[in-house]
Amino acid sequence: MITEENIVKAFQAALKSEMKKKGHGGQVWLANQIGVTPQYVYKLQKGRSAGTEQLRRRIAAVFGYGYETFLDLGLTVLSRENPHEGLLRSVLDITPTVLLMSEVAQKPDVPLQDYYAAPLIDGKIAAGEGRIIGEGDVRSLVWIYAPALRNRRTHRLIAVEVDKISGDSMTPTIFPGDIVLVDSDEPDGDSSSLIDGKIYAIRDGKGGCAVKRIYRSSTGFIVSSDNRDVPPQIAWTGNVEELIIGRVVWGWRNLMDA
């Protein structure tokens, strides 16, 4: 059963871990980022305030994480400090599980009716220059907590791993080795349904794929990276159907080597 208390515990553990990396001045920095006082950040760190879910999501984004991934980070910290099986099981209900197809018979210890299984394609997608097309045989299944997908459960969803070699241009939002979920029904060839500034899986015009933010321009589309060292570029085509594979709607980060 999911409890707010356990979610907050995971969040606070992740926050403490990230703030420790910031060092001196971290409280003021975060306070400025999210529009609160340094004293309130102190309360969040010490567990004297849980904050709203909306605020917690904003904080996760400031540190470059999706909310569920931030909670997953907190679980990793808690399991190192004081393993607690009950907490792990309860937060597992809102965090993704990656399961190899060969292990499907060994189903995860979660209510599978609450999960959606997306195929993990045997290929990689770059966040920079495309190296390998993100299309091919299914090598795994990625189990996603279904309520998080909302009405996307009826869409065509595929999962692809971000290239570990050339996948750093979307940091700190998406890191090399992350697995992203692509909704190929959006925008489905309809340029009017493309949302400026959202992240899409695109064809790079060289036979490969990439993950980028897309913006409309007077001549077509602008392809932008979250890594400030990578300048934006004009897309190689103004045809949305040629350019876009689908919208990136979800991501999972493997923290085992973190």
C-alpha atoms as a PDB file:
ATOM      1  CA  MET A   1       0.000   0.000   0.000  1.00  0.00           C
ATOM      2  CA  ILE A   2       1.311   3.458  -0.929  1.00  0.00           C
ATOM      3  CA  THR A   3       1.575   5.821   2.006  1.00  0.00           C
ATOM      4  CA  GLU A   4       2.343   9.519   1.928  1.00  0.00           C
ATOM      5  CA  GLU A   5       4.737   9.011   4.825  1.00  0.00           C
ATOM      6  CA  ASN A   6       6.925   6.596   2.876  1.00  0.00           C
ATOM      7  CA  ILE A   7       6.901   8.778  -0.222  1.00  0.00           C
ATOM      8  CA  VAL A   8       8.039  11.728   1.881  1.00  0.00           C
ATOM      9  CA  LYS A   9      10.788   9.635   3.494  1.00  0.00           C
ATOM     10  CA  ALA A  10      12.155   8.698   0.072  1.00  0.00           C
ATOM     11  CA  PHE A  11      11.931  12.307  -1.112  1.00  0.00           C
ATOM     12  CA  GLN A  12      13.752  13.682   1.934  1.00  0.00           C
ATOM     13  CA  ALA A  13      16.523  11.103   1.605  1.00  0.00           C
ATOM     14  CA  ALA A  14      17.066  12.114  -2.020  1.00  0.00           C
ATOM     15  CA  LEU A  15      16.961  15.820  -1.127  1.00  0.00           C
ATOM     16  CA  LYS A  16      19.572  15.405   1.613  1.00  0.00           C
ATOM     17  CA  SER A  17      21.811  13.481  -0.788  1.00  0.00           C
ATOM     18  CA  GLU A  18      21.605  16.129  -3.510  1.00  0.00           C
ATOM     19  CA  MET A  19      22.003  19.041  -1.084  1.00  0.00           C
ATOM     20  CA  LYS A  20      25.128  17.435   0.339  1.00  0.00           C
ATOM     21  CA  LYS A  21      26.636  17.595  -3.163  1.00  0.00           C
ATOM     22  CA  LYS A  22      25.817  21.320  -3.355  1.00  0.00           C
ATOM     23  CA  GLY A  23      27.722  22.056  -0.175  1.00  0.00           C
ATOM     24  CA  HIS A  24      27.850  25.530   1.371  1.00  0.00           C
ATOM     25  CA  GLY A  25      25.243  27.841  -0.080  1.00  0.00           C
ATOM     26  CA  GLY A  26      23.051  25.010  -1.273  1.00  0.00           C
ATOM     27  CA  GLN A  27      20.047  26.087   0.787  1.00  0.00           C
ATOM     28  CA  VAL A  28      20.101  29.607  -0.660  1.00  0.00           C
ATOM     29  CA  TRP A  29      20.574  28.226  -4.177  1.00  0.00           C
ATOM     30  CA  LEU A  30      17.600  25.877  -3.926  1.00  0.00           C
ATOM     31  CA  ALA A  31      15.442  28.506  -2.245  1.00  0.00           C
ATOM     32  CA  ASN A  32      16.060  30.862  -5.169  1.00  0.00           C
ATOM     33  CA  GLN A  33      15.283  28.108  -7.666  1.00  0.00           C
ATOM     34  CA  ILE A  34      11.883  27.229  -6.209  1.00  0.00           C
ATOM     35  CA  GLY A  35      10.820  30.572  -4.733  1.00  0.00           C
ATOM     36  CA  VAL A  36      10.890  29.834  -1.002  1.00  0.00           C
ATOM     37  CA  THR A  37      13.058  30.959   1.911  1.00  0.00           C
ATOM     38  CA  PRO A  38      16.307  29.183   2.890  1.00  0.00           C
ATOM     39  CA  GLN A  39      14.650  28.485   6.245  1.00  0.00           C
ATOM     40  CA  TYR A  40      11.915  26.532   4.502  1.00  0.00           C
ATOM     41  CA  VAL A  41      14.501  24.511   2.572  1.00  0.00           C
ATOM     42  CA  TYR A  42      16.098  23.717   5.940  1.00  0.00           C
ATOM     43  CA  LYS A  43      12.734  22.441   7.215  1.00  0.00           C
ATOM     44  CA  LEU A  44      12.361  20.232   4.135  1.00  0.00           C
ATOM     45  CA  GLN A  45      15.812  18.760   4.681  1.00  0.00           C
ATOM     46  CA  LYS A  46      15.167  18.083   8.363  1.00  0.00           C
ATOM     47  CA  GLY A  47      11.755  16.560   7.753  1.00  0.00           C
ATOM     48  CA  ARG A  48       9.923  19.329   9.600  1.00  0.00           C
ATOM     49  CA  SER A  49       7.869  19.995   6.488  1.00  0.00           C
ATOM     50  CA  ALA A  50       6.841  17.576   3.750  1.00  0.00           C
ATOM     51  CA  GLY A  51       5.885  20.245   1.228  1.00  0.00           C
ATOM     52  CA  THR A  52       3.188  19.706  -1.361  1.00  0.00           C
ATOM     53  CA  GLU A  53       3.597  17.109  -4.093  1.00  0.00           C
ATOM     54  CA  GLN A  54       3.765  19.951  -6.625  1.00  0.00           C
ATOM     55  CA  LEU A  55       6.676  21.511  -4.731  1.00  0.00           C
ATOM     56  CA  ARG A  56       8.450  18.161  -4.419  1.00  0.00           C
ATOM     57  CA  ARG A  57       8.111  17.634  -8.153  1.00  0.00           C
ATOM     58  CA  ARG A  58       9.596  21.083  -8.793  1.00  0.00           C
ATOM     59  CA  ILE A  59      12.534  20.314  -6.532  1.00  0.00           C
ATOM     60  CA  ALA A  60      13.183  17.021  -8.315  1.00  0.00           C
ATOM     61  CA  ALA A  61      13.166  18.868 -11.654  1.00  0.00           C
ATOM     62  CA  VAL A  62      15.611  21.491 -10.356  1.00  0.00           C
ATOM     63  CA  PHE A  63      18.085  18.707  -9.614  1.00  0.00           C
ATOM     64  CA  GLY A  64      17.517  17.249 -13.087  1.00  0.00           C
ATOM     65  CA  TYR A  65      15.295  14.304 -12.119  1.00  0.00           C
ATOM     66  CA  GLY A  66      11.797  13.145 -12.853  1.00  0.00           C
ATOM     67  CA  TYR A  67       9.778  12.822  -9.634  1.00  0.00           C
ATOM     68  CA  GLU A  68       9.654   9.013  -9.646  1.00  0.00           C
ATOM     69  CA  THR A  69      13.394   8.839 -10.382  1.00  0.00           C
ATOM     70  CA  PHE A  70      14.078  11.223  -7.498  1.00  0.00           C
ATOM     71  CA  LEU A  71      12.123   8.930  -5.181  1.00  0.00           C
ATOM     72  CA  ASP A  72      14.088   5.985  -6.549  1.00  0.00           C
ATOM     73  CA  LEU A  73      17.294   7.830  -5.626  1.00  0.00           C
ATOM     74  CA  GLY A  74      15.935   8.288  -2.117  1.00  0.00           C
ATOM     75  CA  LEU A  75      15.254   4.572  -1.874  1.00  0.00           C
ATOM     76  CA  THR A  76      18.839   3.836  -2.848  1.00  0.00           C
ATOM     77  CA  VAL A  77      20.104   6.152  -0.106  1.00  0.00           C
ATOM     78  CA  LEU A  78      17.763   4.666   2.500  1.00  0.00           C
ATOM     79  CA  SER A  79      18.623   1.087   1.593  1.00  0.00           C
ATOM     80  CA  ARG A  80      22.324   1.861   2.106  1.00  0.00           C
ATOM     81  CA  GLU A  81      21.811   3.604   5.418  1.00  0.00           C
ATOM     82  CA  ASN A  82      19.182   1.374   6.998  1.00  0.00           C
ATOM     83  CA  PRO A  83      17.582  -1.344   4.882  1.00  0.00           C
ATOM     84  CA  HIS A  84      13.830  -1.428   5.444  1.00  0.00           C
ATOM     85  CA  GLU A  85      11.945  -3.968   3.357  1.00  0.00           C
ATOM     86  CA  GLY A  86       8.509  -2.572   4.130  1.00  0.00           C
ATOM     87  CA  LEU A  87       9.444   0.879   2.887  1.00  0.00           C
ATOM     88  CA  LEU A  88      10.981  -0.524  -0.279  1.00  0.00           C
ATOM     89  CA  ARG A  89       7.859  -2.501  -1.100  1.00  0.00           C
ATOM     90  CA  SER A  90       5.499   0.411  -0.571  1.00  0.00           C
ATOM     91  CA  VAL A  91       7.458   2.860  -2.701  1.00  0.00           C
ATOM     92  CA  LEU A  92       7.964   0.196  -5.358  1.00  0.00           C
ATOM     93  CA  ASP A  93       4.290   0.763  -6.182  1.00  0.00           C
ATOM     94  CA  ILE A  94       5.150   4.112  -7.742  1.00  0.00           C
ATOM     95  CA  THR A  95       8.590   3.347  -9.212  1.00  0.00           C
ATOM     96  CA  PRO A  96       9.300   1.490 -12.456  1.00  0.00           C
ATOM     97  CA  THR A  97      10.673  -2.019 -12.741  1.00  0.00           C
ATOM     98  CA  VAL A  98      12.749  -3.273 -15.671  1.00  0.00           C
ATOM     99  CA  LEU A  99      12.330  -6.972 -16.336  1.00  0.00           C
ATOM    100  CA  LEU A 100      14.075  -8.983 -19.054  1.00  0.00           C
ATOM    101  CA  MET A 101      11.771 -10.942 -21.346  1.00  0.00           C
ATOM    102  CA  SER A 102      13.546 -14.156 -20.366  1.00  0.00           C
ATOM    103  CA  GLU A 103      12.447 -13.467 -16.792  1.00  0.00           C
ATOM    104  CA  VAL A 104       8.805 -12.702 -17.501  1.00  0.00           C
ATOM    105  CA  ALA A 105       7.804 -15.955 -15.800  1.00  0.00           C
ATOM    106  CA  GLN A 106       9.416 -14.553 -12.653  1.00  0.00           C
ATOM    107  CA  LYS A 107       6.940 -11.714 -12.413  1.00  0.00           C
ATOM    108  CA  PRO A 108       7.774  -8.874 -10.019  1.00  0.00           C
ATOM    109  CA  ASP A 109       6.129  -8.946  -6.627  1.00  0.00           C
ATOM    110  CA  VAL A 110       3.648  -6.191  -7.503  1.00  0.00           C
ATOM    111  CA  PRO A 111       0.018  -6.218  -8.677  1.00  0.00           C
ATOM    112  CA  LEU A 112       0.585  -6.517 -12.438  1.00  0.00           C
ATOM    113  CA  GLN A 113      -2.876  -5.186 -13.250  1.00  0.00           C
ATOM    114  CA  ASP A 114      -1.507  -1.824 -12.063  1.00  0.00           C
ATOM    115  CA  TYR A 115       1.389  -1.948 -14.527  1.00  0.00           C
ATOM    116  CA  TYR A 116       1.899  -1.472 -18.256  1.00  0.00           C
ATOM    117  CA  ALA A 117       4.586  -3.519 -20.021  1.00  0.00           C
ATOM    118  CA  ALA A 118       6.314  -1.596 -22.829  1.00  0.00           C
ATOM    119  CA  PRO A 119       8.800  -3.316 -25.166  1.00  0.00           C
ATOM    120  CA  LEU A 120      12.427  -2.263 -24.722  1.00  0.00           C
ATOM    121  CA  ILE A 121      13.847  -2.101 -28.238  1.00  0.00           C
ATOM    122  CA  ASP A 122      17.205  -3.737 -28.956  1.00  0.00           C
ATOM    123  CA  GLY A 123      18.937  -0.567 -30.074  1.00  0.00           C
ATOM    124  CA  LYS A 124      20.051   2.739 -28.640  1.00  0.00           C
ATOM    125  CA  ILE A 125      18.940   6.294 -29.130  1.00  0.00           C
ATOM    126  CA  ALA A 126      21.363   9.150 -28.749  1.00  0.00           C
ATOM    127  CA  ALA A 127      20.769  12.382 -26.921  1.00  0.00           C
ATOM    128  CA  GLY A 128      23.434  13.947 -29.132  1.00  0.00           C
ATOM    129  CA  GLU A 129      24.475  12.772 -32.591  1.00  0.00           C
ATOM    130  CA  GLY A 130      22.478   9.670 -33.514  1.00  0.00           C
ATOM    131  CA  ARG A 131      24.559   6.481 -33.710  1.00  0.00           C
ATOM    132  CA  ILE A 132      22.065   3.643 -33.714  1.00  0.00           C
ATOM    133  CA  ILE A 133      18.444   3.712 -34.786  1.00  0.00           C
ATOM    134  CA  GLY A 134      16.144   3.009 -31.877  1.00  0.00           C
ATOM    135  CA  GLU A 135      14.310   0.294 -33.755  1.00  0.00           C
ATOM    136  CA  GLY A 136      14.812  -3.449 -33.740  1.00  0.00           C
ATOM    137  CA  ASP A 137      14.006  -6.600 -31.845  1.00  0.00           C
ATOM    138  CA  VAL A 138      12.477  -6.505 -28.390  1.00  0.00           C
ATOM    139  CA  ARG A 139      15.116  -7.428 -25.802  1.00  0.00           C
ATOM    140  CA  SER A 140      13.246  -6.634 -22.585  1.00  0.00           C
ATOM    141  CA  LEU A 141      10.036  -5.388 -21.087  1.00  0.00           C
ATOM    142  CA  VAL A 142       9.810  -2.193 -19.067  1.00  0.00           C
ATOM    143  CA  TRP A 143       7.058  -2.254 -16.438  1.00  0.00           C
ATOM    144  CA  ILE A 144       5.585   1.180 -15.735  1.00  0.00           C
ATOM    145  CA  TYR A 145       3.106   2.010 -12.995  1.00  0.00           C
ATOM    146  CA  ALA A 146       0.017   2.359 -15.189  1.00  0.00           C
ATOM    147  CA  PRO A 147      -1.804   5.230 -13.430  1.00  0.00           C
ATOM    148  CA  ALA A 148       1.222   7.418 -14.145  1.00  0.00           C
ATOM    149  CA  LEU A 149       0.568   6.935 -17.873  1.00  0.00           C
ATOM    150  CA  ARG A 150      -3.060   8.096 -17.607  1.00  0.00           C
ATOM    151  CA  ASN A 151      -4.769   7.676 -20.985  1.00  0.00           C
ATOM    152  CA  ARG A 152      -1.508   6.779 -22.741  1.00  0.00           C
ATOM    153  CA  ARG A 153      -2.083   3.114 -21.950  1.00  0.00           C
ATOM    154  CA  THR A 154      -4.037   2.930 -25.215  1.00  0.00           C
ATOM    155  CA  HIS A 155      -1.160   4.439 -27.217  1.00  0.00           C
ATOM    156  CA  ARG A 156       1.769   2.836 -29.032  1.00  0.00           C
ATOM    157  CA  LEU A 157       4.582   2.969 -26.480  1.00  0.00           C
ATOM    158  CA  ILE A 158       8.158   1.765 -26.894  1.00  0.00           C
ATOM    159  CA  ALA A 159      11.153   2.022 -24.577  1.00  0.00           C
ATOM    160  CA  VAL A 160      14.673   2.822 -25.793  1.00  0.00           C
ATOM    161  CA  GLU A 161      17.994   3.133 -23.990  1.00  0.00           C
ATOM    162  CA  VAL A 162      19.876   6.414 -24.331  1.00  0.00           C
ATOM    163  CA  ASP A 163      23.341   5.866 -25.782  1.00  0.00           C
ATOM    164  CA  LYS A 164      26.024   5.775 -23.086  1.00  0.00           C
ATOM    165  CA  ILE A 165      28.649   7.131 -25.494  1.00  0.00           C
ATOM    166  CA  SER A 166      26.915  10.013 -27.248  1.00  0.00           C
ATOM    167  CA  GLY A 167      23.984  10.639 -24.947  1.00  0.00           C
ATOM    168  CA  ASP A 168      24.999  13.609 -22.786  1.00  0.00           C
ATOM    169  CA  SER A 169      23.459  16.520 -24.667  1.00  0.00           C
ATOM    170  CA  MET A 170      20.189  16.332 -22.695  1.00  0.00           C
ATOM    171  CA  THR A 171      21.793  16.382 -19.236  1.00  0.00           C
ATOM    172  CA  PRO A 172      20.762  17.145 -16.556  1.00  0.00           C
ATOM    173  CA  THR A 173      17.264  16.049 -17.661  1.00  0.00           C
ATOM    174  CA  ILE A 174      18.244  12.803 -19.399  1.00  0.00           C
ATOM    175  CA  PHE A 175      21.533  11.004 -18.795  1.00  0.00           C
ATOM    176  CA  PRO A 176      23.488   8.456 -20.847  1.00  0.00           C
ATOM    177  CA  GLY A 177      22.155   4.978 -20.063  1.00  0.00           C
ATOM    178  CA  ASP A 178      18.668   6.214 -19.121  1.00  0.00           C
ATOM    179  CA  ILE A 179      15.695   4.355 -20.558  1.00  0.00           C
ATOM    180  CA  VAL A 180      13.042   6.601 -22.075  1.00  0.00           C
ATOM    181  CA  LEU A 181       9.475   5.762 -23.012  1.00  0.00           C
ATOM    182  CA  VAL A 182       8.367   7.102 -26.394  1.00  0.00           C
ATOM    183  CA  ASP A 183       4.710   7.631 -27.305  1.00  0.00           C
ATOM    184  CA  SER A 184       4.684   7.168 -31.074  1.00  0.00           C
ATOM    185  CA  ASP A 185       1.038   8.302 -31.250  1.00  0.00           C
ATOM    186  CA  GLU A 186       2.128  11.845 -30.432  1.00  0.00           C
ATOM    187  CA  PRO A 187       2.114  13.940 -32.519  1.00  0.00           C
ATOM    188  CA  ASP A 188       1.318  11.148 -35.063  1.00  0.00           C
ATOM    189  CA  GLY A 189       2.205  13.281 -38.068  1.00  0.00           C
ATOM    190  CA  ASP A 190       0.043  16.197 -36.944  1.00  0.00           C
ATOM    191  CA  SER A 191       2.217  19.294 -36.496  1.00  0.00           C
ATOM    192  CA  SER A 192      -0.633  21.170 -34.773  1.00  0.00           C
ATOM    193  CA  SER A 193      -0.489  18.749 -31.829  1.00  0.00           C
ATOM    194  CA  LEU A 194       3.260  19.236 -31.326  1.00  0.00           C
ATOM    195  CA  ILE A 195       3.901  21.108 -28.069  1.00  0.00           C
ATOM    196  CA  ASP A 196       6.720  23.649 -28.099  1.00  0.00           C
ATOM    197  CA  GLY A 197       9.517  22.872 -25.665  1.00  0.00           C
ATOM    198  CA  LYS A 198       8.584  19.249 -25.003  1.00  0.00           C
ATOM    199  CA  ILE A 199      11.042  16.386 -25.471  1.00  0.00           C
ATOM    200  CA  TYR A 200      10.690  14.188 -28.543  1.00  0.00           C
ATOM    201  CA  ALA A 201      12.509  11.248 -30.074  1.00  0.00           C
ATOM    202  CA  ILE A 202      13.556  12.409 -33.530  1.00  0.00           C
ATOM    203  CA  ARG A 203      15.298  11.138 -36.643  1.00  0.00           C
ATOM    204  CA  ASP A 204      18.576  12.954 -37.182  1.00  0.00           C
ATOM    205  CA  GLY A 205      18.516  12.787 -40.989  1.00  0.00           C
ATOM    206  CA  LYS A 206      21.623  10.569 -41.035  1.00  0.00           C
ATOM    207  CA  GLY A 207      19.966   7.234 -40.332  1.00  0.00           C
ATOM    208  CA  GLY A 208      20.074   7.604 -36.555  1.00  0.00           C
ATOM    209  CA  CYS A 209      17.890   8.961 -33.771  1.00  0.00           C
ATOM    210  CA  ALA A 210      18.181  11.481 -30.977  1.00  0.00           C
ATOM    211  CA  VAL A 211      16.255  12.867 -28.006  1.00  0.00           C
ATOM    212  CA  LYS A 212      15.727  16.642 -28.145  1.00  0.00           C
ATOM    213  CA  ARG A 213      13.424  19.490 -27.226  1.00  0.00           C
ATOM    214  CA  ILE A 214      11.555  20.765 -30.258  1.00  0.00           C
ATOM    215  CA  TYR A 215      10.434  24.322 -30.941  1.00  0.00           C
ATOM    216  CA  ARG A 216       8.591  25.719 -33.920  1.00  0.00           C
ATOM    217  CA  SER A 217      10.245  28.413 -36.012  1.00  0.00           C
ATOM    218  CA  SER A 218       9.161  30.469 -39.017  1.00  0.00           C
ATOM    219  CA  THR A 219      11.034  28.063 -41.302  1.00  0.00           C
ATOM    220  CA  GLY A 220      10.376  24.734 -39.584  1.00  0.00           C
ATOM    221  CA  PHE A 221      11.658  23.419 -36.262  1.00  0.00           C
ATOM    222  CA  ILE A 222      14.497  24.168 -33.843  1.00  0.00           C
ATOM    223  CA  VAL A 223      16.219  21.189 -32.200  1.00  0.00           C
ATOM    224  CA  SER A 224      17.445  22.096 -28.727  1.00  0.00           C
ATOM    225  CA  SER A 225      19.485  20.371 -26.007  1.00  0.00           C
ATOM    226  CA  ASP A 226      19.285  20.851 -22.234  1.00  0.00           C
ATOM    227  CA  ASN A 227      23.082  20.729 -21.996  1.00  0.00           C
ATOM    228  CA  ARG A 228      24.051  24.392 -22.347  1.00  0.00           C
ATOM    229  CA  ASP A 229      27.310  23.465 -24.071  1.00  0.00           C
ATOM    230  CA  VAL A 230      25.361  22.095 -27.053  1.00  0.00           C
ATOM    231  CA  PRO A 231      23.940  24.886 -29.268  1.00  0.00           C
ATOM    232  CA  PRO A 232      20.447  24.629 -30.797  1.00  0.00           C
ATOM    233  CA  GLN A 233      20.169  23.736 -34.471  1.00  0.00           C
ATOM    234  CA  ILE A 234      17.639  24.040 -37.259  1.00  0.00           C
ATOM    235  CA  ALA A 235      16.022  20.657 -37.881  1.00  0.00           C
ATOM    236  CA  TRP A 236      17.062  18.920 -41.071  1.00  0.00           C
ATOM    237  CA  THR A 237      13.427  18.788 -42.233  1.00  0.00           C
ATOM    238  CA  GLY A 238      10.293  20.803 -41.626  1.00  0.00           C
ATOM    239  CA  ASN A 239       8.089  17.749 -42.129  1.00  0.00           C
ATOM    240  CA  VAL A 240       6.905  16.661 -38.698  1.00  0.00           C
ATOM    241  CA  GLU A 241       6.217  13.102 -39.844  1.00  0.00           C
ATOM    242  CA  GLU A 242       9.760  12.726 -41.193  1.00  0.00           C
ATOM    243  CA  LEU A 243      11.364  14.340 -38.148  1.00  0.00           C
ATOM    244  CA  ILE A 244       9.529  13.030 -35.108  1.00  0.00           C
ATOM    245  CA  ILE A 245       9.246   9.418 -33.969  1.00  0.00           C
ATOM    246  CA  GLY A 246       7.214  10.250 -30.872  1.00  0.00           C
ATOM    247  CA  ARG A 247       7.098  12.203 -27.650  1.00  0.00           C
ATOM    248  CA  VAL A 248       9.274  11.167 -24.708  1.00  0.00           C
ATOM    249  CA  VAL A 249       6.802  10.797 -21.851  1.00  0.00           C
ATOM    250  CA  TRP A 250       8.694   8.893 -19.164  1.00  0.00           C
ATOM    251  CA  GLY A 251      12.230   8.013 -18.117  1.00  0.00           C
ATOM    252  CA  TRP A 252      14.024   5.546 -15.853  1.00  0.00           C
ATOM    253  CA  ARG A 253      17.519   5.916 -14.478  1.00  0.00           C
ATOM    254  CA  ASN A 254      19.652   2.981 -13.394  1.00  0.00           C
ATOM    255  CA  LEU A 255      21.264   4.058 -10.125  1.00  0.00           C
ATOM    256  CA  MET A 256      23.085   0.792  -9.458  1.00  0.00           C
ATOM    257  CA  ASP A 257      26.406   2.332 -10.565  1.00  0.00           C
ATOM    258  CA  ALA A 258      25.722   5.794  -9.149  1.00  0.00           C
END
